[in-house]
């Protein structure tokens, strides 16, 4: 049973108990000839406060779990990007790494190729264009 189902069961039980108590208060009031309004309202008030408390706690729990899920997803995507770059650097030999670094260095130093925010313009060079696409060069015998 999920926590949402448990909360619904608890809320239903609270309101059922409040209705049962109110029914008993109404019968007792008719028998005695006086109706005390606060006795009738008290179980409803307790059930209302309990319901609001459960809803608030449930919303806080959902907010915390969604925040932790988002942060885990962001950490995972950061790790994946770093893993790809380290794998790329591992499969390159020394000459390829030097060439890659020189091309990257050249591109970074060319300020005209970059916008004011340091981003490549649309259609600019990508990481793939910095690398040789000659497959024979990357295949190791």
Foldseek 3Di string as FASTA:
>chain_A
DDVVVVLVVVLVVLVVVLVVQLVVLVVVCVVVVHHDPCSNCVSVVVSVVVNVVSVVVVVVVVVVVVVVVVVVVVVVVVVVVVVVVVVVVVLDDPVQVVQLVVLVVVVQPPCVQADPVRDGPVVGDDSVNSHDPPVVNRDDD
